[in-house]
Amino acid sequence: MKKIVLLMAYMIMAFSFVQAQNKAVVREQIMESADSLSEEQKDAMFSVIEGVMLAGVDSIISEGRFMQALELVDSIQVNWKYLTGRELSPSIYLTKGNILMNLEEWRELVKTTEECLSIHEKTMTDGMAAIICAMQGYAHRGLEEYSEAIRSYENGAYYYNKTGDIGSQGDMLCSMAFCYSKLSKHTMATSFYEKGISKFLEYFGTTRSVLLRSDYIVKDSYKQKVLAVFAVHLYSLAVYEQNHGSRLESKNYLLMSAHCGDTTAKSEYKRIFGYLP
C-alpha cells in the first residue's frame, strides 16, 4: 500500500512538472513501478490520480479561468497515454467538453466528442454517452450544422431513454425541433416540439394549464436547472409559433416560459401585452 501511495504521489507531480526532455525517463520509472501491481491496483491507482488532477481542473473552472483550465487539460491529454499506456477516460473528455462549451469553441468540441465516442462509446455508461452526444449536438448547432446536430441529439435522446432521464429526453427532442425549424422543416419541428414539451411536463408532473395560471416553483436544485432549460425551450417554441404557427399558441407558450422563470419571456410578455398575469 505504501508503494502505491508513493507511486501515486510521484505520478501526480510528474503530470504537473514533466518536461519534454525527461518524459521518457518518467515513463520508464512509472511503468517499472506499476508492473509490480495487480490490474485491480493499477485501475484504482490511475482512477485516483485522474480524480486528483480533474479536481484541480474543476477548481480552476469554478473561478472562471477557462483558458487556464483548458491548458491544464490539454497537458493531461498530451501526457496521459504516453506516461500510463492507457487511453484518456470519458471523464477527462467530459471535463474538456465543458470547458470548450463555456469558451464556445465549437469546432474543437466536435473534435473532442468525436474522439471520445470513437474510443469509448461501446464501453462507457449510457449516462456519459448521452452527455457526450448532447455536447456534440450543441457544438454542431453552434456551427449552424443543423443536420449534424439533429443526428447527435438523436443519439443523446437514445441514451437518455436508456437511463430513464425524461427531462433530458425533452431537452434533446426540443433541441432537434429547433434545428428542424432552422432547416425550414416545419412539420418535423412542430412534431418534435410537442414531443419534447410533453416529456418535460411528464418530468415535472404538471400540465400546460397549470403553467398558464401561475408561477411554477420547484425547490430541488437539480430540478431548478431542468426547469430553466424547459423555460428556454418554451420561449423558443413561442417564437416559432409566432413566425410559423398560431399567435394564440405563441402567447400561451410565452406565458408558460415566463411562469417557469425565463426573464426574457417575462420582459417580452410585458412589452407585448402590458402586464404579466
C-alpha atoms as a PDB file:
ATOM      1  CA  MET A   1       0.000   0.000   0.000  1.00  0.00           C
ATOM      2  CA  LYS A   2       2.848   2.378   0.868  1.00  0.00           C
ATOM      3  CA  LYS A   3       4.396   1.740  -2.530  1.00  0.00           C
ATOM      4  CA  ILE A   4       1.109   2.519  -4.287  1.00  0.00           C
ATOM      5  CA  VAL A   5       0.681   5.783  -2.386  1.00  0.00           C
ATOM      6  CA  LEU A   6       4.225   6.861  -3.198  1.00  0.00           C
ATOM      7  CA  LEU A   7       3.783   5.983  -6.858  1.00  0.00           C
ATOM      8  CA  MET A   8       0.518   7.932  -7.000  1.00  0.00           C
ATOM      9  CA  ALA A   9       2.169  10.985  -5.468  1.00  0.00           C
ATOM     10  CA  TYR A  10       5.076  10.707  -7.887  1.00  0.00           C
ATOM     11  CA  MET A  11       2.792  10.436 -10.918  1.00  0.00           C
ATOM     12  CA  ILE A  12       0.679  13.412  -9.880  1.00  0.00           C
ATOM     13  CA  MET A  13       3.835  15.515  -9.554  1.00  0.00           C
ATOM     14  CA  ALA A  14       5.094  14.136 -12.855  1.00  0.00           C
ATOM     15  CA  PHE A  15       1.962  15.313 -14.679  1.00  0.00           C
ATOM     16  CA  SER A  16       2.409  18.758 -13.175  1.00  0.00           C
ATOM     17  CA  PHE A  17       6.076  19.271 -13.928  1.00  0.00           C
ATOM     18  CA  VAL A  18       7.208  16.783 -16.602  1.00  0.00           C
ATOM     19  CA  GLN A  19       9.231  18.386 -19.417  1.00  0.00           C
ATOM     20  CA  ALA A  20       9.832  17.124 -22.921  1.00  0.00           C
ATOM     21  CA  GLN A  21      13.431  16.128 -22.199  1.00  0.00           C
ATOM     22  CA  ASN A  22      12.602  13.802 -19.299  1.00  0.00           C
ATOM     23  CA  LYS A  23       9.300  12.271 -20.405  1.00  0.00           C
ATOM     24  CA  ALA A  24      10.969   9.020 -21.414  1.00  0.00           C
ATOM     25  CA  VAL A  25      12.681   8.692 -18.021  1.00  0.00           C
ATOM     26  CA  VAL A  26       9.443   9.405 -16.159  1.00  0.00           C
ATOM     27  CA  ARG A  27       7.544   6.896 -18.301  1.00  0.00           C
ATOM     28  CA  GLU A  28      10.128   4.175 -17.663  1.00  0.00           C
ATOM     29  CA  GLN A  29      10.008   4.757 -13.912  1.00  0.00           C
ATOM     30  CA  ILE A  30       6.213   4.702 -13.851  1.00  0.00           C
ATOM     31  CA  MET A  31       5.958   1.553 -15.940  1.00  0.00           C
ATOM     32  CA  GLU A  32       8.604  -0.225 -13.871  1.00  0.00           C
ATOM     33  CA  SER A  33       6.848   0.629 -10.617  1.00  0.00           C
ATOM     34  CA  ALA A  34       3.381  -0.201 -11.943  1.00  0.00           C
ATOM     35  CA  ASP A  35       4.486  -3.618 -13.239  1.00  0.00           C
ATOM     36  CA  SER A  36       4.603  -4.943  -9.693  1.00  0.00           C
ATOM     37  CA  LEU A  37       0.934  -4.062  -9.124  1.00  0.00           C
ATOM     38  CA  SER A  38      -2.123  -6.146  -9.954  1.00  0.00           C
ATOM     39  CA  GLU A  39      -4.511  -4.887 -12.639  1.00  0.00           C
ATOM     40  CA  GLU A  40      -7.040  -4.037  -9.929  1.00  0.00           C
ATOM     41  CA  GLN A  41      -4.439  -1.984  -8.074  1.00  0.00           C
ATOM     42  CA  LYS A  42      -3.423  -0.229 -11.286  1.00  0.00           C
ATOM     43  CA  ASP A  43      -7.049   0.616 -12.092  1.00  0.00           C
ATOM     44  CA  ALA A  44      -7.584   2.022  -8.601  1.00  0.00           C
ATOM     45  CA  MET A  45      -4.345   3.989  -8.702  1.00  0.00           C
ATOM     46  CA  PHE A  46      -4.940   5.545 -12.098  1.00  0.00           C
ATOM     47  CA  SER A  47      -8.535   6.361 -11.136  1.00  0.00           C
ATOM     48  CA  VAL A  48      -7.378   8.238  -8.036  1.00  0.00           C
ATOM     49  CA  ILE A  49      -4.655  10.078  -9.967  1.00  0.00           C
ATOM     50  CA  GLU A  50      -7.178  11.128 -12.581  1.00  0.00           C
ATOM     51  CA  GLY A  51      -9.579  12.283  -9.877  1.00  0.00           C
ATOM     52  CA  VAL A  52      -6.925  14.415  -8.213  1.00  0.00           C
ATOM     53  CA  MET A  53      -5.936  16.038 -11.500  1.00  0.00           C
ATOM     54  CA  LEU A  54      -9.537  16.702 -12.537  1.00  0.00           C
ATOM     55  CA  ALA A  55     -10.293  18.188  -9.116  1.00  0.00           C
ATOM     56  CA  GLY A  56      -7.524  20.684  -9.811  1.00  0.00           C
ATOM     57  CA  VAL A  57      -9.068  21.488 -13.170  1.00  0.00           C
ATOM     58  CA  ASP A  58     -12.542  21.859 -11.622  1.00  0.00           C
ATOM     59  CA  SER A  59     -11.136  24.297  -9.076  1.00  0.00           C
ATOM     60  CA  ILE A  60      -9.806  26.499 -11.868  1.00  0.00           C
ATOM     61  CA  ILE A  61     -13.111  26.220 -13.767  1.00  0.00           C
ATOM     62  CA  SER A  62     -15.052  27.311 -10.652  1.00  0.00           C
ATOM     63  CA  GLU A  63     -13.029  30.533 -10.710  1.00  0.00           C
ATOM     64  CA  GLY A  64     -13.988  31.151 -14.333  1.00  0.00           C
ATOM     65  CA  ARG A  65     -10.429  30.729 -15.638  1.00  0.00           C
ATOM     66  CA  PHE A  66     -11.419  28.599 -18.604  1.00  0.00           C
ATOM     67  CA  MET A  67      -8.349  29.195 -20.749  1.00  0.00           C
ATOM     68  CA  GLN A  68      -6.048  28.127 -17.914  1.00  0.00           C
ATOM     69  CA  ALA A  69      -8.238  25.083 -17.288  1.00  0.00           C
ATOM     70  CA  LEU A  70      -8.053  24.187 -20.978  1.00  0.00           C
ATOM     71  CA  GLU A  71      -4.259  24.450 -20.928  1.00  0.00           C
ATOM     72  CA  LEU A  72      -4.116  22.075 -17.960  1.00  0.00           C
ATOM     73  CA  VAL A  73      -6.472  19.553 -19.558  1.00  0.00           C
ATOM     74  CA  ASP A  74      -4.512  19.710 -22.809  1.00  0.00           C
ATOM     75  CA  SER A  75      -1.339  18.952 -20.834  1.00  0.00           C
ATOM     76  CA  ILE A  76      -3.011  15.932 -19.266  1.00  0.00           C
ATOM     77  CA  GLN A  77      -4.260  14.839 -22.677  1.00  0.00           C
ATOM     78  CA  VAL A  78      -0.793  15.070 -24.235  1.00  0.00           C
ATOM     79  CA  ASN A  79       0.947  13.154 -21.452  1.00  0.00           C
ATOM     80  CA  TRP A  80      -1.618  10.665 -20.131  1.00  0.00           C
ATOM     81  CA  LYS A  81      -1.378   7.834 -22.663  1.00  0.00           C
ATOM     82  CA  TYR A  82       2.379   8.172 -23.042  1.00  0.00           C
ATOM     83  CA  LEU A  83       3.045   8.030 -19.306  1.00  0.00           C
ATOM     84  CA  THR A  84       0.408   5.424 -18.371  1.00  0.00           C
ATOM     85  CA  GLY A  85      -0.091   3.372 -21.528  1.00  0.00           C
ATOM     86  CA  ARG A  86      -3.859   3.953 -21.191  1.00  0.00           C
ATOM     87  CA  GLU A  87      -6.486   5.841 -23.129  1.00  0.00           C
ATOM     88  CA  LEU A  88      -7.973   9.031 -21.700  1.00  0.00           C
ATOM     89  CA  SER A  89     -11.104   8.254 -19.715  1.00  0.00           C
ATOM     90  CA  PRO A  90     -14.542   9.625 -20.664  1.00  0.00           C
ATOM     91  CA  SER A  91     -14.351  11.843 -17.555  1.00  0.00           C
ATOM     92  CA  ILE A  92     -11.363  13.721 -18.943  1.00  0.00           C
ATOM     93  CA  TYR A  93     -13.158  14.222 -22.265  1.00  0.00           C
ATOM     94  CA  LEU A  94     -16.256  15.418 -20.409  1.00  0.00           C
ATOM     95  CA  THR A  95     -14.245  17.966 -18.436  1.00  0.00           C
ATOM     96  CA  LYS A  96     -12.605  19.259 -21.606  1.00  0.00           C
ATOM     97  CA  GLY A  97     -16.002  19.391 -23.295  1.00  0.00           C
ATOM     98  CA  ASN A  98     -17.458  21.542 -20.501  1.00  0.00           C
ATOM     99  CA  ILE A  99     -14.555  23.968 -20.837  1.00  0.00           C
ATOM    100  CA  LEU A 100     -14.936  24.171 -24.619  1.00  0.00           C
ATOM    101  CA  MET A 101     -18.683  24.802 -24.266  1.00  0.00           C
ATOM    102  CA  ASN A 102     -18.001  27.744 -21.959  1.00  0.00           C
ATOM    103  CA  LEU A 103     -15.417  29.089 -24.420  1.00  0.00           C
ATOM    104  CA  GLU A 104     -17.805  28.407 -27.355  1.00  0.00           C
ATOM    105  CA  GLU A 105     -15.004  26.608 -29.182  1.00  0.00           C
ATOM    106  CA  TRP A 106     -17.473  24.616 -31.225  1.00  0.00           C
ATOM    107  CA  ARG A 107     -15.172  23.035 -33.813  1.00  0.00           C
ATOM    108  CA  GLU A 108     -12.772  21.807 -31.144  1.00  0.00           C
ATOM    109  CA  LEU A 109     -15.750  20.495 -29.167  1.00  0.00           C
ATOM    110  CA  VAL A 110     -16.905  18.476 -32.191  1.00  0.00           C
ATOM    111  CA  LYS A 111     -13.417  17.001 -32.452  1.00  0.00           C
ATOM    112  CA  THR A 112     -13.268  16.182 -28.737  1.00  0.00           C
ATOM    113  CA  THR A 113     -16.661  14.458 -28.652  1.00  0.00           C
ATOM    114  CA  GLU A 114     -15.939  12.501 -31.826  1.00  0.00           C
ATOM    115  CA  GLU A 115     -12.686  11.228 -30.350  1.00  0.00           C
ATOM    116  CA  CYS A 116     -14.361  10.236 -27.088  1.00  0.00           C
ATOM    117  CA  LEU A 117     -17.166   8.361 -28.849  1.00  0.00           C
ATOM    118  CA  SER A 118     -14.710   6.632 -31.183  1.00  0.00           C
ATOM    119  CA  ILE A 119     -12.747   5.245 -28.235  1.00  0.00           C
ATOM    120  CA  HIS A 120     -15.373   4.735 -25.530  1.00  0.00           C
ATOM    121  CA  GLU A 121     -18.902   4.591 -26.984  1.00  0.00           C
ATOM    122  CA  LYS A 122     -19.200   0.808 -26.538  1.00  0.00           C
ATOM    123  CA  THR A 123     -17.761   0.759 -23.039  1.00  0.00           C
ATOM    124  CA  MET A 124     -18.788   3.946 -21.206  1.00  0.00           C
ATOM    125  CA  THR A 125     -22.011   4.282 -19.255  1.00  0.00           C
ATOM    126  CA  ASP A 126     -25.224   5.247 -21.031  1.00  0.00           C
ATOM    127  CA  GLY A 127     -25.368   8.429 -18.957  1.00  0.00           C
ATOM    128  CA  MET A 128     -21.897   9.514 -20.020  1.00  0.00           C
ATOM    129  CA  ALA A 129     -22.597   8.646 -23.667  1.00  0.00           C
ATOM    130  CA  ALA A 130     -25.786  10.735 -23.515  1.00  0.00           C
ATOM    131  CA  ILE A 131     -23.935  13.801 -22.218  1.00  0.00           C
ATOM    132  CA  ILE A 132     -21.157  13.491 -24.818  1.00  0.00           C
ATOM    133  CA  CYS A 133     -23.697  13.134 -27.656  1.00  0.00           C
ATOM    134  CA  ALA A 134     -25.643  16.134 -26.353  1.00  0.00           C
ATOM    135  CA  MET A 135     -22.440  18.198 -26.232  1.00  0.00           C
ATOM    136  CA  GLN A 136     -21.738  17.213 -29.802  1.00  0.00           C
ATOM    137  CA  GLY A 137     -25.225  18.371 -30.774  1.00  0.00           C
ATOM    138  CA  TYR A 138     -24.690  21.765 -29.132  1.00  0.00           C
ATOM    139  CA  ALA A 139     -21.348  22.089 -30.937  1.00  0.00           C
ATOM    140  CA  HIS A 140     -22.858  21.390 -34.359  1.00  0.00           C
ATOM    141  CA  ARG A 141     -25.717  23.762 -33.548  1.00  0.00           C
ATOM    142  CA  GLY A 142     -23.199  26.462 -32.631  1.00  0.00           C
ATOM    143  CA  LEU A 143     -21.620  25.955 -36.053  1.00  0.00           C
ATOM    144  CA  GLU A 144     -25.085  26.082 -37.691  1.00  0.00           C
ATOM    145  CA  GLU A 145     -24.627  22.491 -38.859  1.00  0.00           C
ATOM    146  CA  TYR A 146     -28.227  21.638 -38.108  1.00  0.00           C
ATOM    147  CA  SER A 147     -28.480  18.250 -39.853  1.00  0.00           C
ATOM    148  CA  GLU A 148     -25.411  17.030 -37.982  1.00  0.00           C
ATOM    149  CA  ALA A 149     -26.791  18.465 -34.742  1.00  0.00           C
ATOM    150  CA  ILE A 150     -30.035  16.523 -35.196  1.00  0.00           C
ATOM    151  CA  ARG A 151     -28.125  13.251 -35.563  1.00  0.00           C
ATOM    152  CA  SER A 152     -26.146  13.954 -32.388  1.00  0.00           C
ATOM    153  CA  TYR A 153     -29.283  14.935 -30.461  1.00  0.00           C
ATOM    154  CA  GLU A 154     -30.962  11.724 -31.689  1.00  0.00           C
ATOM    155  CA  ASN A 155     -28.116   9.714 -30.216  1.00  0.00           C
ATOM    156  CA  GLY A 156     -28.347  11.708 -26.999  1.00  0.00           C
ATOM    157  CA  ALA A 157     -32.091  11.021 -26.782  1.00  0.00           C
ATOM    158  CA  TYR A 158     -31.420   7.298 -27.355  1.00  0.00           C
ATOM    159  CA  TYR A 159     -29.009   7.081 -24.427  1.00  0.00           C
ATOM    160  CA  TYR A 160     -31.136   9.305 -22.162  1.00  0.00           C
ATOM    161  CA  ASN A 161     -34.050   6.985 -22.904  1.00  0.00           C
ATOM    162  CA  LYS A 162     -31.926   4.048 -21.728  1.00  0.00           C
ATOM    163  CA  THR A 163     -31.166   5.846 -18.469  1.00  0.00           C
ATOM    164  CA  GLY A 164     -34.795   6.888 -17.958  1.00  0.00           C
ATOM    165  CA  ASP A 165     -33.889  10.585 -17.805  1.00  0.00           C
ATOM    166  CA  ILE A 166     -37.171  12.064 -19.027  1.00  0.00           C
ATOM    167  CA  GLY A 167     -36.160  15.706 -18.559  1.00  0.00           C
ATOM    168  CA  SER A 168     -33.053  15.316 -20.699  1.00  0.00           C
ATOM    169  CA  GLN A 169     -35.060  13.443 -23.322  1.00  0.00           C
ATOM    170  CA  GLY A 170     -37.277  16.516 -23.510  1.00  0.00           C
ATOM    171  CA  ASP A 171     -34.210  18.708 -23.941  1.00  0.00           C
ATOM    172  CA  MET A 172     -32.935  16.567 -26.840  1.00  0.00           C
ATOM    173  CA  LEU A 173     -36.331  16.482 -28.583  1.00  0.00           C
ATOM    174  CA  CYS A 174     -36.835  20.244 -28.300  1.00  0.00           C
ATOM    175  CA  SER A 175     -33.268  20.835 -29.487  1.00  0.00           C
ATOM    176  CA  MET A 176     -33.992  18.668 -32.523  1.00  0.00           C
ATOM    177  CA  ALA A 177     -37.166  20.682 -33.110  1.00  0.00           C
ATOM    178  CA  PHE A 178     -35.188  23.936 -33.109  1.00  0.00           C
ATOM    179  CA  CYS A 179     -32.775  22.509 -35.687  1.00  0.00           C
ATOM    180  CA  TYR A 180     -35.639  21.300 -37.879  1.00  0.00           C
ATOM    181  CA  SER A 181     -37.096  24.808 -37.758  1.00  0.00           C
ATOM    182  CA  LYS A 182     -33.762  26.218 -38.925  1.00  0.00           C
ATOM    183  CA  LEU A 183     -33.887  23.779 -41.854  1.00  0.00           C
ATOM    184  CA  SER A 184     -37.458  25.004 -42.620  1.00  0.00           C
ATOM    185  CA  LYS A 185     -38.847  21.519 -41.927  1.00  0.00           C
ATOM    186  CA  HIS A 186     -41.811  22.904 -40.051  1.00  0.00           C
ATOM    187  CA  THR A 187     -43.898  19.738 -39.790  1.00  0.00           C
ATOM    188  CA  MET A 188     -40.979  17.963 -38.148  1.00  0.00           C
ATOM    189  CA  ALA A 189     -40.255  20.970 -35.946  1.00  0.00           C
ATOM    190  CA  THR A 190     -43.836  21.112 -34.666  1.00  0.00           C
ATOM    191  CA  SER A 191     -43.906  17.368 -34.029  1.00  0.00           C
ATOM    192  CA  PHE A 192     -40.651  17.312 -32.063  1.00  0.00           C
ATOM    193  CA  TYR A 193     -41.548  20.413 -30.045  1.00  0.00           C
ATOM    194  CA  GLU A 194     -44.769  18.697 -28.997  1.00  0.00           C
ATOM    195  CA  LYS A 195     -42.920  15.504 -28.054  1.00  0.00           C
ATOM    196  CA  GLY A 196     -40.287  17.420 -26.140  1.00  0.00           C
ATOM    197  CA  ILE A 197     -42.729  19.612 -24.210  1.00  0.00           C
ATOM    198  CA  SER A 198     -44.740  16.502 -23.286  1.00  0.00           C
ATOM    199  CA  LYS A 199     -41.593  14.899 -21.860  1.00  0.00           C
ATOM    200  CA  PHE A 200     -40.861  17.979 -19.751  1.00  0.00           C
ATOM    201  CA  LEU A 201     -44.435  18.092 -18.459  1.00  0.00           C
ATOM    202  CA  GLU A 202     -44.180  14.396 -17.577  1.00  0.00           C
ATOM    203  CA  TYR A 203     -40.885  15.026 -15.780  1.00  0.00           C
ATOM    204  CA  PHE A 204     -42.377  17.809 -13.628  1.00  0.00           C
ATOM    205  CA  GLY A 205     -45.722  16.078 -13.221  1.00  0.00           C
ATOM    206  CA  THR A 206     -47.636  19.147 -14.340  1.00  0.00           C
ATOM    207  CA  THR A 207     -49.791  20.390 -17.217  1.00  0.00           C
ATOM    208  CA  ARG A 208     -49.983  23.298 -19.625  1.00  0.00           C
ATOM    209  CA  SER A 209     -52.999  24.692 -17.795  1.00  0.00           C
ATOM    210  CA  VAL A 210     -51.072  24.845 -14.506  1.00  0.00           C
ATOM    211  CA  LEU A 211     -48.181  26.691 -16.172  1.00  0.00           C
ATOM    212  CA  LEU A 212     -50.617  29.163 -17.704  1.00  0.00           C
ATOM    213  CA  ARG A 213     -52.179  30.045 -14.346  1.00  0.00           C
ATOM    214  CA  SER A 214     -49.246  30.924 -12.118  1.00  0.00           C
ATOM    215  CA  ASP A 215     -45.531  30.868 -11.484  1.00  0.00           C
ATOM    216  CA  TYR A 216     -44.258  27.314 -11.287  1.00  0.00           C
ATOM    217  CA  ILE A 217     -41.937  26.742  -8.327  1.00  0.00           C
ATOM    218  CA  VAL A 218     -39.594  23.808  -7.722  1.00  0.00           C
ATOM    219  CA  LYS A 219     -37.310  23.551  -4.692  1.00  0.00           C
ATOM    220  CA  ASP A 220     -34.914  20.794  -5.732  1.00  0.00           C
ATOM    221  CA  SER A 221     -31.694  22.369  -7.045  1.00  0.00           C
ATOM    222  CA  TYR A 222     -31.289  19.929  -9.946  1.00  0.00           C
ATOM    223  CA  LYS A 223     -34.922  20.296 -10.986  1.00  0.00           C
ATOM    224  CA  GLN A 224     -34.450  24.075 -10.939  1.00  0.00           C
ATOM    225  CA  LYS A 225     -31.737  23.670 -13.578  1.00  0.00           C
ATOM    226  CA  VAL A 226     -34.021  21.443 -15.671  1.00  0.00           C
ATOM    227  CA  LEU A 227     -36.823  23.992 -15.277  1.00  0.00           C
ATOM    228  CA  ALA A 228     -34.535  26.738 -16.609  1.00  0.00           C
ATOM    229  CA  VAL A 229     -33.829  24.601 -19.686  1.00  0.00           C
ATOM    230  CA  PHE A 230     -37.555  23.914 -20.092  1.00  0.00           C
ATOM    231  CA  ALA A 231     -38.296  27.639 -19.878  1.00  0.00           C
ATOM    232  CA  VAL A 232     -35.802  28.388 -22.661  1.00  0.00           C
ATOM    233  CA  HIS A 233     -37.411  25.772 -24.916  1.00  0.00           C
ATOM    234  CA  LEU A 234     -40.879  27.180 -24.167  1.00  0.00           C
ATOM    235  CA  TYR A 235     -39.649  30.621 -25.198  1.00  0.00           C
ATOM    236  CA  SER A 236     -38.114  29.176 -28.362  1.00  0.00           C
ATOM    237  CA  LEU A 237     -41.432  27.488 -29.148  1.00  0.00           C
ATOM    238  CA  ALA A 238     -43.286  30.771 -28.553  1.00  0.00           C
ATOM    239  CA  VAL A 239     -41.066  32.481 -31.122  1.00  0.00           C
ATOM    240  CA  TYR A 240     -41.545  29.573 -33.525  1.00  0.00           C
ATOM    241  CA  GLU A 241     -45.348  29.701 -33.181  1.00  0.00           C
ATOM    242  CA  GLN A 242     -45.295  33.461 -33.745  1.00  0.00           C
ATOM    243  CA  ASN A 243     -43.445  33.005 -37.027  1.00  0.00           C
ATOM    244  CA  HIS A 244     -44.875  29.758 -38.323  1.00  0.00           C
ATOM    245  CA  GLY A 245     -47.947  28.766 -36.343  1.00  0.00           C
ATOM    246  CA  SER A 246     -50.618  30.233 -34.093  1.00  0.00           C
ATOM    247  CA  ARG A 247     -50.360  33.624 -32.390  1.00  0.00           C
ATOM    248  CA  LEU A 248     -52.559  32.351 -29.568  1.00  0.00           C
ATOM    249  CA  GLU A 249     -50.247  29.401 -29.021  1.00  0.00           C
ATOM    250  CA  SER A 250     -47.298  31.774 -29.156  1.00  0.00           C
ATOM    251  CA  LYS A 251     -48.866  33.861 -26.382  1.00  0.00           C
ATOM    252  CA  ASN A 252     -49.547  30.758 -24.298  1.00  0.00           C
ATOM    253  CA  TYR A 253     -46.019  29.376 -24.609  1.00  0.00           C
ATOM    254  CA  LEU A 254     -44.562  32.797 -23.868  1.00  0.00           C
ATOM    255  CA  LEU A 255     -46.616  32.975 -20.678  1.00  0.00           C
ATOM    256  CA  MET A 256     -45.647  29.431 -19.678  1.00  0.00           C
ATOM    257  CA  SER A 257     -41.986  30.301 -20.207  1.00  0.00           C
ATOM    258  CA  ALA A 258     -42.401  33.403 -18.043  1.00  0.00           C
ATOM    259  CA  HIS A 259     -44.107  31.399 -15.301  1.00  0.00           C
ATOM    260  CA  CYS A 260     -41.195  28.934 -15.397  1.00  0.00           C
ATOM    261  CA  GLY A 261     -38.833  31.814 -14.669  1.00  0.00           C
ATOM    262  CA  ASP A 262     -37.383  32.855 -18.027  1.00  0.00           C
ATOM    263  CA  THR A 263     -36.558  36.564 -17.664  1.00  0.00           C
ATOM    264  CA  THR A 264     -36.585  37.240 -21.410  1.00  0.00           C
ATOM    265  CA  ALA A 265     -40.069  35.744 -21.675  1.00  0.00           C
ATOM    266  CA  LYS A 266     -41.273  37.877 -18.752  1.00  0.00           C
ATOM    267  CA  SER A 267     -39.956  41.081 -20.329  1.00  0.00           C
ATOM    268  CA  GLU A 268     -41.317  40.183 -23.750  1.00  0.00           C
ATOM    269  CA  TYR A 269     -44.768  39.314 -22.416  1.00  0.00           C
ATOM    270  CA  LYS A 270     -44.981  42.599 -20.511  1.00  0.00           C
ATOM    271  CA  ARG A 271     -43.758  44.511 -23.577  1.00  0.00           C
ATOM    272  CA  ILE A 272     -46.383  42.979 -25.851  1.00  0.00           C
ATOM    273  CA  PHE A 273     -49.377  42.718 -23.526  1.00  0.00           C
ATOM    274  CA  GLY A 274     -48.597  45.342 -20.892  1.00  0.00           C
ATOM    275  CA  TYR A 275     -48.855  43.047 -17.875  1.00  0.00           C
ATOM    276  CA  LEU A 276     -47.856  39.607 -16.603  1.00  0.00           C
ATOM    277  CA  PRO A 277     -50.720  37.563 -15.111  1.00  0.00           C
END
